[in-house]
PDB file of all heavy atoms in Angstrom:
ATOM      1  N   HIS A   1     -53.793  36.454  -3.063  1.00  0.00           N
ATOM      2  CA  HIS A   1     -54.490  36.508  -4.350  1.00  0.00           C
ATOM      3  C   HIS A   1     -53.669  35.892  -5.473  1.00  0.00           C
ATOM      4  O   HIS A   1     -54.172  35.037  -6.215  1.00  0.00           O
ATOM      5  CB  HIS A   1     -54.806  37.986  -4.657  1.00  0.00           C
ATOM      6  CG  HIS A   1     -55.525  38.126  -5.964  1.00  0.00           C
ATOM      7  ND1 HIS A   1     -56.896  38.434  -6.065  1.00  0.00           N
ATOM      8  CD2 HIS A   1     -55.087  38.030  -7.275  1.00  0.00           C
ATOM      9  CE1 HIS A   1     -57.246  38.531  -7.322  1.00  0.00           C
ATOM     10  NE2 HIS A   1     -56.200  38.297  -8.073  1.00  0.00           N
ATOM     11  N   GLU A   2     -52.396  36.239  -5.544  1.00  0.00           N
ATOM     12  CA  GLU A   2     -51.547  35.722  -6.614  1.00  0.00           C
ATOM     13  C   GLU A   2     -51.310  34.257  -6.416  1.00  0.00           C
ATOM     14  O   GLU A   2     -51.162  33.476  -7.365  1.00  0.00           O
ATOM     15  CB  GLU A   2     -50.265  36.506  -6.736  1.00  0.00           C
ATOM     16  CG  GLU A   2     -50.439  38.009  -6.997  1.00  0.00           C
ATOM     17  CD  GLU A   2     -51.431  38.302  -8.149  1.00  0.00           C
ATOM     18  OE1 GLU A   2     -51.359  37.589  -9.191  1.00  0.00           O
ATOM     19  OE2 GLU A   2     -52.158  39.252  -8.061  1.00  0.00           O
ATOM     20  N   GLY A   3     -51.157  33.859  -5.130  1.00  0.00           N
ATOM     21  CA  GLY A   3     -50.979  32.407  -4.865  1.00  0.00           C
ATOM     22  C   GLY A   3     -52.184  31.558  -5.242  1.00  0.00           C
ATOM     23  O   GLY A   3     -52.012  30.409  -5.682  1.00  0.00           O
ATOM     24  N   ILE A   4     -53.359  32.128  -5.131  1.00  0.00           N
ATOM     25  CA  ILE A   4     -54.555  31.380  -5.569  1.00  0.00           C
ATOM     26  C   ILE A   4     -54.594  31.221  -7.087  1.00  0.00           C
ATOM     27  O   ILE A   4     -54.932  30.159  -7.589  1.00  0.00           O
ATOM     28  CB  ILE A   4     -55.829  32.128  -5.067  1.00  0.00           C
ATOM     29  CG1 ILE A   4     -55.938  32.041  -3.566  1.00  0.00           C
ATOM     30  CG2 ILE A   4     -57.061  31.523  -5.723  1.00  0.00           C
ATOM     31  CD1 ILE A   4     -57.019  32.886  -2.956  1.00  0.00           C
ATOM     32  N   HIS A   5     -54.084  32.262  -7.786  1.00  0.00           N
ATOM     33  CA  HIS A   5     -53.863  32.074  -9.218  1.00  0.00           C
ATOM     34  C   HIS A   5     -52.940  30.897  -9.510  1.00  0.00           C
ATOM     35  O   HIS A   5     -53.223  30.091 -10.403  1.00  0.00           O
ATOM     36  CB  HIS A   5     -53.206  33.364  -9.835  1.00  0.00           C
ATOM     37  CG  HIS A   5     -54.186  34.431 -10.174  1.00  0.00           C
ATOM     38  ND1 HIS A   5     -55.217  34.271 -11.109  1.00  0.00           N
ATOM     39  CD2 HIS A   5     -54.327  35.680  -9.727  1.00  0.00           C
ATOM     40  CE1 HIS A   5     -55.900  35.353 -11.239  1.00  0.00           C
ATOM     41  NE2 HIS A   5     -55.397  36.283 -10.415  1.00  0.00           N
ATOM     42  N   GLY A   6     -51.845  30.768  -8.773  1.00  0.00           N
ATOM     43  CA  GLY A   6     -50.944  29.672  -8.910  1.00  0.00           C
ATOM     44  C   GLY A   6     -51.592  28.361  -8.653  1.00  0.00           C
ATOM     45  O   GLY A   6     -51.410  27.345  -9.369  1.00  0.00           O
ATOM     46  N   ASP A   7     -52.431  28.310  -7.540  1.00  0.00           N
ATOM     47  CA  ASP A   7     -53.161  27.069  -7.252  1.00  0.00           C
ATOM     48  C   ASP A   7     -54.067  26.664  -8.383  1.00  0.00           C
ATOM     49  O   ASP A   7     -54.223  25.454  -8.734  1.00  0.00           O
ATOM     50  CB  ASP A   7     -53.964  27.245  -5.971  1.00  0.00           C
ATOM     51  CG  ASP A   7     -53.148  27.539  -4.755  1.00  0.00           C
ATOM     52  OD1 ASP A   7     -51.944  27.233  -4.795  1.00  0.00           O
ATOM     53  OD2 ASP A   7     -53.673  28.083  -3.724  1.00  0.00           O
ATOM     54  N   ARG A   8     -54.754  27.626  -8.961  1.00  0.00           N
ATOM     55  CA  ARG A   8     -55.692  27.362 -10.112  1.00  0.00           C
ATOM     56  C   ARG A   8     -54.903  26.791 -11.281  1.00  0.00           C
ATOM     57  O   ARG A   8     -55.349  25.818 -11.928  1.00  0.00           O
ATOM     58  CB  ARG A   8     -56.392  28.645 -10.548  1.00  0.00           C
ATOM     59  CG  ARG A   8     -57.475  29.136  -9.573  1.00  0.00           C
ATOM     60  CD  ARG A   8     -58.206  30.317 -10.143  1.00  0.00           C
ATOM     61  NE  ARG A   8     -58.760  30.057 -11.452  1.00  0.00           N
ATOM     62  CZ  ARG A   8     -58.286  30.553 -12.609  1.00  0.00           C
ATOM     63  NH1 ARG A   8     -57.232  31.333 -12.622  1.00  0.00           N
ATOM     64  NH2 ARG A   8     -58.890  30.263 -13.761  1.00  0.00           N
ATOM     65  N   TYR A   9     -53.731  27.358 -11.552  1.00  0.00           N
ATOM     66  CA  TYR A   9     -52.962  26.895 -12.729  1.00  0.00           C
ATOM     67  C   TYR A   9     -52.449  25.447 -12.489  1.00  0.00           C
ATOM     68  O   TYR A   9     -52.518  24.643 -13.389  1.00  0.00           O
ATOM     69  CB  TYR A   9     -51.780  27.858 -12.956  1.00  0.00           C
ATOM     70  CG  TYR A   9     -50.897  27.483 -14.139  1.00  0.00           C
ATOM     71  CD1 TYR A   9     -51.469  27.338 -15.384  1.00  0.00           C
ATOM     72  CD2 TYR A   9     -49.570  27.227 -13.954  1.00  0.00           C
ATOM     73  CE1 TYR A   9     -50.698  26.977 -16.498  1.00  0.00           C
ATOM     74  CE2 TYR A   9     -48.786  26.842 -15.041  1.00  0.00           C
ATOM     75  CZ  TYR A   9     -49.345  26.745 -16.337  1.00  0.00           C
ATOM     76  OH  TYR A   9     -48.568  26.401 -17.433  1.00  0.00           O
ATOM     77  N   LEU A  10     -52.002  25.192 -11.251  1.00  0.00           N
ATOM     78  CA  LEU A  10     -51.566  23.810 -10.968  1.00  0.00           C
ATOM     79  C   LEU A  10     -52.714  22.796 -11.143  1.00  0.00           C
ATOM     80  O   LEU A  10     -52.509  21.695 -11.687  1.00  0.00           O
ATOM     81  CB  LEU A  10     -50.983  23.734  -9.558  1.00  0.00           C
ATOM     82  CG  LEU A  10     -50.499  22.355  -9.120  1.00  0.00           C
ATOM     83  CD1 LEU A  10     -49.444  21.872 -10.008  1.00  0.00           C
ATOM     84  CD2 LEU A  10     -49.993  22.417  -7.680  1.00  0.00           C
ATOM     85  N   LYS A  11     -53.903  23.186 -10.716  1.00  0.00           N
ATOM     86  CA  LYS A  11     -55.072  22.292 -10.917  1.00  0.00           C
ATOM     87  C   LYS A  11     -55.334  22.102 -12.390  1.00  0.00           C
ATOM     88  O   LYS A  11     -55.652  20.940 -12.806  1.00  0.00           O
ATOM     89  CB  LYS A  11     -56.246  22.910 -10.219  1.00  0.00           C
ATOM     90  CG  LYS A  11     -57.541  21.999 -10.279  1.00  0.00           C
ATOM     91  CD  LYS A  11     -58.694  22.572  -9.546  1.00  0.00           C
ATOM     92  CE  LYS A  11     -59.885  21.605  -9.495  1.00  0.00           C
ATOM     93  NZ  LYS A  11     -60.362  21.223 -10.811  1.00  0.00           N
ATOM     94  N   ILE A  12     -55.278  23.140 -13.181  1.00  0.00           N
ATOM     95  CA  ILE A  12     -55.456  22.999 -14.622  1.00  0.00           C
ATOM     96  C   ILE A  12     -54.427  22.072 -15.260  1.00  0.00           C
ATOM     97  O   ILE A  12     -54.768  21.218 -16.090  1.00  0.00           O
ATOM     98  CB  ILE A  12     -55.453  24.408 -15.307  1.00  0.00           C
ATOM     99  CG1 ILE A  12     -56.665  25.239 -14.912  1.00  0.00           C
ATOM    100  CG2 ILE A  12     -55.411  24.244 -16.816  1.00  0.00           C
ATOM    101  CD1 ILE A  12     -56.616  26.664 -15.246  1.00  0.00           C
ATOM    102  N   LEU A  13     -53.170  22.203 -14.811  1.00  0.00           N
ATOM    103  CA  LEU A  13     -52.115  21.328 -15.323  1.00  0.00           C
ATOM    104  C   LEU A  13     -52.439  19.878 -15.029  1.00  0.00           C
ATOM    105  O   LEU A  13     -52.334  18.986 -15.868  1.00  0.00           O
ATOM    106  CB  LEU A  13     -50.780  21.691 -14.634  1.00  0.00           C
ATOM    107  CG  LEU A  13     -50.084  22.961 -15.101  1.00  0.00           C
ATOM    108  CD1 LEU A  13     -48.900  23.311 -14.227  1.00  0.00           C
ATOM    109  CD2 LEU A  13     -49.638  22.897 -16.600  1.00  0.00           C
ATOM    110  N   ASN A  14     -52.889  19.580 -13.807  1.00  0.00           N
ATOM    111  CA  ASN A  14     -53.196  18.202 -13.416  1.00  0.00           C
ATOM    112  C   ASN A  14     -54.455  17.704 -14.056  1.00  0.00           C
ATOM    113  O   ASN A  14     -54.570  16.541 -14.444  1.00  0.00           O
ATOM    114  CB  ASN A  14     -53.224  18.084 -11.884  1.00  0.00           C
ATOM    115  CG  ASN A  14     -51.878  18.056 -11.277  1.00  0.00           C
ATOM    116  OD1 ASN A  14     -50.997  17.260 -11.646  1.00  0.00           O
ATOM    117  ND2 ASN A  14     -51.623  18.899 -10.308  1.00  0.00           N
ATOM    118  N   ASP A  15     -55.445  18.569 -14.191  1.00  0.00           N
ATOM    119  CA  ASP A  15     -56.711  18.175 -14.807  1.00  0.00           C
ATOM    120  C   ASP A  15     -56.562  17.732 -16.261  1.00  0.00           C
ATOM    121  O   ASP A  15     -57.368  16.980 -16.792  1.00  0.00           O
ATOM    122  CB  ASP A  15     -57.783  19.248 -14.701  1.00  0.00           C
ATOM    123  CG  ASP A  15     -58.324  19.453 -13.299  1.00  0.00           C
ATOM    124  OD1 ASP A  15     -58.095  18.571 -12.449  1.00  0.00           O
ATOM    125  OD2 ASP A  15     -59.020  20.451 -13.027  1.00  0.00           O
ATOM    126  N   ASN A  16     -55.536  18.359 -16.938  1.00  0.00           N
ATOM    127  CA  ASN A  16     -55.323  18.063 -18.343  1.00  0.00           C
ATOM    128  C   ASN A  16     -54.116  17.176 -18.597  1.00  0.00           C
ATOM    129  O   ASN A  16     -53.679  17.066 -19.769  1.00  0.00           O
ATOM    130  CB  ASN A  16     -55.183  19.404 -19.098  1.00  0.00           C
ATOM    131  CG  ASN A  16     -56.479  20.203 -19.177  1.00  0.00           C
ATOM    132  OD1 ASN A  16     -57.257  20.006 -20.047  1.00  0.00           O
ATOM    133  ND2 ASN A  16     -56.691  21.032 -18.165  1.00  0.00           N
ATOM    134  N   LYS A  17     -53.558  16.594 -17.591  1.00  0.00           N
ATOM    135  CA  LYS A  17     -52.369  15.804 -17.655  1.00  0.00           C
ATOM    136  C   LYS A  17     -52.531  14.601 -18.600  1.00  0.00           C
ATOM    137  O   LYS A  17     -51.552  14.216 -19.280  1.00  0.00           O
ATOM    138  CB  LYS A  17     -51.918  15.346 -16.289  1.00  0.00           C
ATOM    139  CG  LYS A  17     -50.619  14.664 -16.212  1.00  0.00           C
ATOM    140  CD  LYS A  17     -50.162  14.458 -14.750  1.00  0.00           C
ATOM    141  CE  LYS A  17     -51.057  13.509 -14.031  1.00  0.00           C
ATOM    142  NZ  LYS A  17     -50.480  13.190 -12.648  1.00  0.00           N
ATOM    143  N   GLN A  18     -53.684  14.009 -18.679  1.00  0.00           N
ATOM    144  CA  GLN A  18     -53.897  12.822 -19.465  1.00  0.00           C
ATOM    145  C   GLN A  18     -53.637  13.130 -20.970  1.00  0.00           C
ATOM    146  O   GLN A  18     -53.170  12.214 -21.691  1.00  0.00           O
ATOM    147  CB  GLN A  18     -55.330  12.302 -19.293  1.00  0.00           C
ATOM    148  CG  GLN A  18     -55.513  10.942 -19.951  1.00  0.00           C
ATOM    149  CD  GLN A  18     -54.681   9.846 -19.343  1.00  0.00           C
ATOM    150  OE1 GLN A  18     -54.564   9.756 -18.137  1.00  0.00           O
ATOM    151  NE2 GLN A  18     -54.066   9.031 -20.189  1.00  0.00           N
ATOM    152  N   ILE A  19     -53.874  14.354 -21.374  1.00  0.00           N
ATOM    153  CA  ILE A  19     -53.579  14.715 -22.771  1.00  0.00           C
ATOM    154  C   ILE A  19     -52.099  14.560 -23.087  1.00  0.00           C
ATOM    155  O   ILE A  19     -51.736  14.013 -24.115  1.00  0.00           O
ATOM    156  CB  ILE A  19     -54.048  16.166 -23.032  1.00  0.00           C
ATOM    157  CG1 ILE A  19     -55.538  16.263 -22.917  1.00  0.00           C
ATOM    158  CG2 ILE A  19     -53.583  16.665 -24.419  1.00  0.00           C
ATOM    159  CD1 ILE A  19     -56.035  17.711 -22.924  1.00  0.00           C
ATOM    160  N   LEU A  20     -51.288  14.988 -22.144  1.00  0.00           N
ATOM    161  CA  LEU A  20     -49.803  14.868 -22.316  1.00  0.00           C
ATOM    162  C   LEU A  20     -49.442  13.383 -22.262  1.00  0.00           C
ATOM    163  O   LEU A  20     -48.597  12.900 -23.058  1.00  0.00           O
ATOM    164  CB  LEU A  20     -49.102  15.659 -21.254  1.00  0.00           C
ATOM    165  CG  LEU A  20     -47.572  15.588 -21.234  1.00  0.00           C
ATOM    166  CD1 LEU A  20     -47.004  16.051 -22.612  1.00  0.00           C
ATOM    167  CD2 LEU A  20     -46.962  16.441 -20.149  1.00  0.00           C
ATOM    168  N   ILE A  21     -50.008  12.609 -21.311  1.00  0.00           N
ATOM    169  CA  ILE A  21     -49.672  11.206 -21.223  1.00  0.00           C
ATOM    170  C   ILE A  21     -50.007  10.493 -22.494  1.00  0.00           C
ATOM    171  O   ILE A  21     -49.228   9.637 -22.977  1.00  0.00           O
ATOM    172  CB  ILE A  21     -50.454  10.583 -20.000  1.00  0.00           C
ATOM    173  CG1 ILE A  21     -49.902  11.155 -18.726  1.00  0.00           C
ATOM    174  CG2 ILE A  21     -50.340   9.047 -20.051  1.00  0.00           C
ATOM    175  CD1 ILE A  21     -50.773  10.715 -17.487  1.00  0.00           C
ATOM    176  N   ASP A  22     -51.147  10.744 -23.105  1.00  0.00           N
ATOM    177  CA  ASP A  22     -51.550  10.134 -24.374  1.00  0.00           C
ATOM    178  C   ASP A  22     -50.563  10.427 -25.495  1.00  0.00           C
ATOM    179  O   ASP A  22     -50.265   9.568 -26.297  1.00  0.00           O
ATOM    180  CB  ASP A  22     -52.978  10.543 -24.751  1.00  0.00           C
ATOM    181  CG  ASP A  22     -54.039  10.003 -23.812  1.00  0.00           C
ATOM    182  OD1 ASP A  22     -53.715   9.040 -23.051  1.00  0.00           O
ATOM    183  OD2 ASP A  22     -55.153  10.563 -23.825  1.00  0.00           O
ATOM    184  N   LYS A  23     -50.033  11.645 -25.515  1.00  0.00           N
ATOM    185  CA  LYS A  23     -49.059  12.011 -26.538  1.00  0.00           C
ATOM    186  C   LYS A  23     -47.728  11.286 -26.322  1.00  0.00           C
ATOM    187  O   LYS A  23     -47.141  10.777 -27.276  1.00  0.00           O
ATOM    188  CB  LYS A  23     -48.772  13.513 -26.467  1.00  0.00           C
ATOM    189  CG  LYS A  23     -49.958  14.365 -26.945  1.00  0.00           C
ATOM    190  CD  LYS A  23     -50.353  14.128 -28.419  1.00  0.00           C
ATOM    191  CE  LYS A  23     -49.271  14.607 -29.348  1.00  0.00           C
ATOM    192  NZ  LYS A  23     -49.630  14.456 -30.797  1.00  0.00           N
ATOM    193  N   LEU A  24     -47.342  11.044 -25.081  1.00  0.00           N
ATOM    194  CA  LEU A  24     -46.145  10.314 -24.800  1.00  0.00           C
ATOM    195  C   LEU A  24     -46.290   8.820 -25.141  1.00  0.00           C
ATOM    196  O   LEU A  24     -45.354   8.163 -25.616  1.00  0.00           O
ATOM    197  CB  LEU A  24     -45.722  10.467 -23.360  1.00  0.00           C
ATOM    198  CG  LEU A  24     -45.349  11.889 -22.861  1.00  0.00           C
ATOM    199  CD1 LEU A  24     -45.038  11.909 -21.390  1.00  0.00           C
ATOM    200  CD2 LEU A  24     -44.164  12.423 -23.678  1.00  0.00           C
ATOM    201  N   LYS A  25     -47.513   8.330 -24.980  1.00  0.00           N
ATOM    202  CA  LYS A  25     -47.774   6.945 -25.260  1.00  0.00           C
ATOM    203  C   LYS A  25     -47.715   6.623 -26.774  1.00  0.00           C
ATOM    204  O   LYS A  25     -47.672   5.471 -27.148  1.00  0.00           O
ATOM    205  CB  LYS A  25     -49.115   6.486 -24.666  1.00  0.00           C
ATOM    206  CG  LYS A  25     -49.085   6.286 -23.159  1.00  0.00           C
ATOM    207  CD  LYS A  25     -50.409   5.782 -22.624  1.00  0.00           C
ATOM    208  CE  LYS A  25     -50.351   5.507 -21.194  1.00  0.00           C
ATOM    209  NZ  LYS A  25     -51.670   4.978 -20.670  1.00  0.00           N
ATOM    210  N   GLU A  26     -47.744   7.656 -27.582  1.00  0.00           N
ATOM    211  CA  GLU A  26     -47.542   7.459 -29.008  1.00  0.00           C
ATOM    212  C   GLU A  26     -46.155   6.989 -29.335  1.00  0.00           C
ATOM    213  O   GLU A  26     -45.953   6.448 -30.449  1.00  0.00           O
ATOM    214  CB  GLU A  26     -47.863   8.743 -29.766  1.00  0.00           C
ATOM    215  CG  GLU A  26     -49.373   9.163 -29.673  1.00  0.00           C
ATOM    216  CD  GLU A  26     -49.591  10.501 -30.378  1.00  0.00           C
ATOM    217  OE1 GLU A  26     -48.658  11.033 -30.983  1.00  0.00           O
ATOM    218  OE2 GLU A  26     -50.750  10.977 -30.321  1.00  0.00           O
ATOM    219  N   LEU A  27     -45.260   7.187 -28.421  1.00  0.00           N
ATOM    220  CA  LEU A  27     -43.857   6.758 -28.663  1.00  0.00           C
ATOM    221  C   LEU A  27     -43.740   5.290 -28.305  1.00  0.00           C
ATOM    222  O   LEU A  27     -43.206   4.887 -27.281  1.00  0.00           O
ATOM    223  CB  LEU A  27     -42.929   7.584 -27.785  1.00  0.00           C
ATOM    224  CG  LEU A  27     -42.908   9.083 -28.072  1.00  0.00           C
ATOM    225  CD1 LEU A  27     -42.162   9.851 -26.997  1.00  0.00           C
ATOM    226  CD2 LEU A  27     -42.320   9.360 -29.436  1.00  0.00           C
ATOM    227  N   ASP A  28     -44.199   4.450 -29.205  1.00  0.00           N
ATOM    228  CA  ASP A  28     -44.249   3.008 -29.012  1.00  0.00           C
ATOM    229  C   ASP A  28     -44.113   2.394 -30.384  1.00  0.00           C
ATOM    230  O   ASP A  28     -44.979   2.416 -31.227  1.00  0.00           O
ATOM    231  CB  ASP A  28     -45.608   2.622 -28.386  1.00  0.00           C
ATOM    232  CG  ASP A  28     -45.728   1.146 -28.101  1.00  0.00           C
ATOM    233  OD1 ASP A  28     -44.918   0.344 -28.615  1.00  0.00           O
ATOM    234  OD2 ASP A  28     -46.661   0.756 -27.365  1.00  0.00           O
ATOM    235  N   PHE A  29     -42.892   1.790 -30.662  1.00  0.00           N
ATOM    236  CA  PHE A  29     -42.535   1.387 -32.050  1.00  0.00           C
ATOM    237  C   PHE A  29     -41.989  -0.022 -32.059  1.00  0.00           C
ATOM    238  O   PHE A  29     -41.605  -0.563 -31.043  1.00  0.00           O
ATOM    239  CB  PHE A  29     -41.441   2.325 -32.585  1.00  0.00           C
ATOM    240  CG  PHE A  29     -41.721   3.782 -32.406  1.00  0.00           C
ATOM    241  CD1 PHE A  29     -40.867   4.532 -31.641  1.00  0.00           C
ATOM    242  CD2 PHE A  29     -42.813   4.352 -32.976  1.00  0.00           C
ATOM    243  CE1 PHE A  29     -41.101   5.871 -31.425  1.00  0.00           C
ATOM    244  CE2 PHE A  29     -43.005   5.700 -32.783  1.00  0.00           C
ATOM    245  CZ  PHE A  29     -42.172   6.478 -32.028  1.00  0.00           C
ATOM    246  N   THR A  30     -42.063  -0.565 -33.257  1.00  0.00           N
ATOM    247  CA  THR A  30     -41.222  -1.774 -33.501  1.00  0.00           C
ATOM    248  C   THR A  30     -39.779  -1.372 -33.616  1.00  0.00           C
ATOM    249  O   THR A  30     -39.480  -0.132 -33.837  1.00  0.00           O
ATOM    250  CB  THR A  30     -41.661  -2.476 -34.786  1.00  0.00           C
ATOM    251  OG1 THR A  30     -41.365  -1.656 -35.890  1.00  0.00           O
ATOM    252  CG2 THR A  30     -43.161  -2.839 -34.729  1.00  0.00           C
ATOM    253  N   CYS A  31     -38.908  -2.305 -33.629  1.00  0.00           N
ATOM    254  CA  CYS A  31     -37.483  -1.990 -33.768  1.00  0.00           C
ATOM    255  C   CYS A  31     -37.212  -1.319 -35.101  1.00  0.00           C
ATOM    256  O   CYS A  31     -36.486  -0.342 -35.207  1.00  0.00           O
ATOM    257  CB  CYS A  31     -36.660  -3.270 -33.588  1.00  0.00           C
ATOM    258  SG  CYS A  31     -34.891  -2.983 -33.742  1.00  0.00           S
ATOM    259  N   VAL A  32     -37.812  -1.848 -36.146  1.00  0.00           N
ATOM    260  CA  VAL A  32     -37.611  -1.291 -37.497  1.00  0.00           C
ATOM    261  C   VAL A  32     -38.160   0.137 -37.584  1.00  0.00           C
ATOM    262  O   VAL A  32     -37.538   1.009 -38.152  1.00  0.00           O
ATOM    263  CB  VAL A  32     -38.299  -2.187 -38.545  1.00  0.00           C
ATOM    264  CG1 VAL A  32     -38.244  -1.534 -39.953  1.00  0.00           C
ATOM    265  CG2 VAL A  32     -37.625  -3.560 -38.570  1.00  0.00           C
ATOM    266  N   GLU A  33     -39.342   0.347 -37.021  1.00  0.00           N
ATOM    267  CA  GLU A  33     -39.933   1.706 -37.062  1.00  0.00           C
ATOM    268  C   GLU A  33     -39.014   2.686 -36.380  1.00  0.00           C
ATOM    269  O   GLU A  33     -38.792   3.794 -36.883  1.00  0.00           O
ATOM    270  CB  GLU A  33     -41.284   1.707 -36.362  1.00  0.00           C
ATOM    271  CG  GLU A  33     -42.392   1.012 -37.160  1.00  0.00           C
ATOM    272  CD  GLU A  33     -43.668   0.896 -36.321  1.00  0.00           C
ATOM    273  OE1 GLU A  33     -43.566   0.881 -35.084  1.00  0.00           O
ATOM    274  OE2 GLU A  33     -44.731   0.806 -36.941  1.00  0.00           O
ATOM    275  N   TYR A  34     -38.476   2.310 -35.219  1.00  0.00           N
ATOM    276  CA  TYR A  34     -37.593   3.258 -34.488  1.00  0.00           C
ATOM    277  C   TYR A  34     -36.327   3.547 -35.271  1.00  0.00           C
ATOM    278  O   TYR A  34     -35.945   4.712 -35.445  1.00  0.00           O
ATOM    279  CB  TYR A  34     -37.285   2.670 -33.095  1.00  0.00           C
ATOM    280  CG  TYR A  34     -36.216   3.556 -32.420  1.00  0.00           C
ATOM    281  CD1 TYR A  34     -36.527   4.835 -32.007  1.00  0.00           C
ATOM    282  CD2 TYR A  34     -34.995   3.022 -32.120  1.00  0.00           C
ATOM    283  CE1 TYR A  34     -35.600   5.612 -31.377  1.00  0.00           C
ATOM    284  CE2 TYR A  34     -34.039   3.779 -31.444  1.00  0.00           C
ATOM    285  CZ  TYR A  34     -34.360   5.078 -31.077  1.00  0.00           C
ATOM    286  OH  TYR A  34     -33.409   5.883 -30.428  1.00  0.00           O
ATOM    287  N   ASN A  35     -35.719   2.512 -35.802  1.00  0.00           N
ATOM    288  CA  ASN A  35     -34.402   2.699 -36.456  1.00  0.00           C
ATOM    289  C   ASN A  35     -34.525   3.350 -37.800  1.00  0.00           C
ATOM    290  O   ASN A  35     -33.640   4.114 -38.236  1.00  0.00           O
ATOM    291  CB  ASN A  35     -33.702   1.318 -36.630  1.00  0.00           C
ATOM    292  CG  ASN A  35     -33.072   0.877 -35.287  1.00  0.00           C
ATOM    293  OD1 ASN A  35     -32.422   1.676 -34.624  1.00  0.00           O
ATOM    294  ND2 ASN A  35     -33.305  -0.365 -34.976  1.00  0.00           N
TER     295      ASN A  35
END
């Protein structure tokens, strides 16, 4: 039963992964912006 809870949580993590990817893709700068 508890393992199925874990399986559900892992699926939720992967189903929503694109949200995290999009946030990481915001880290895209010119040299001046970064410095």
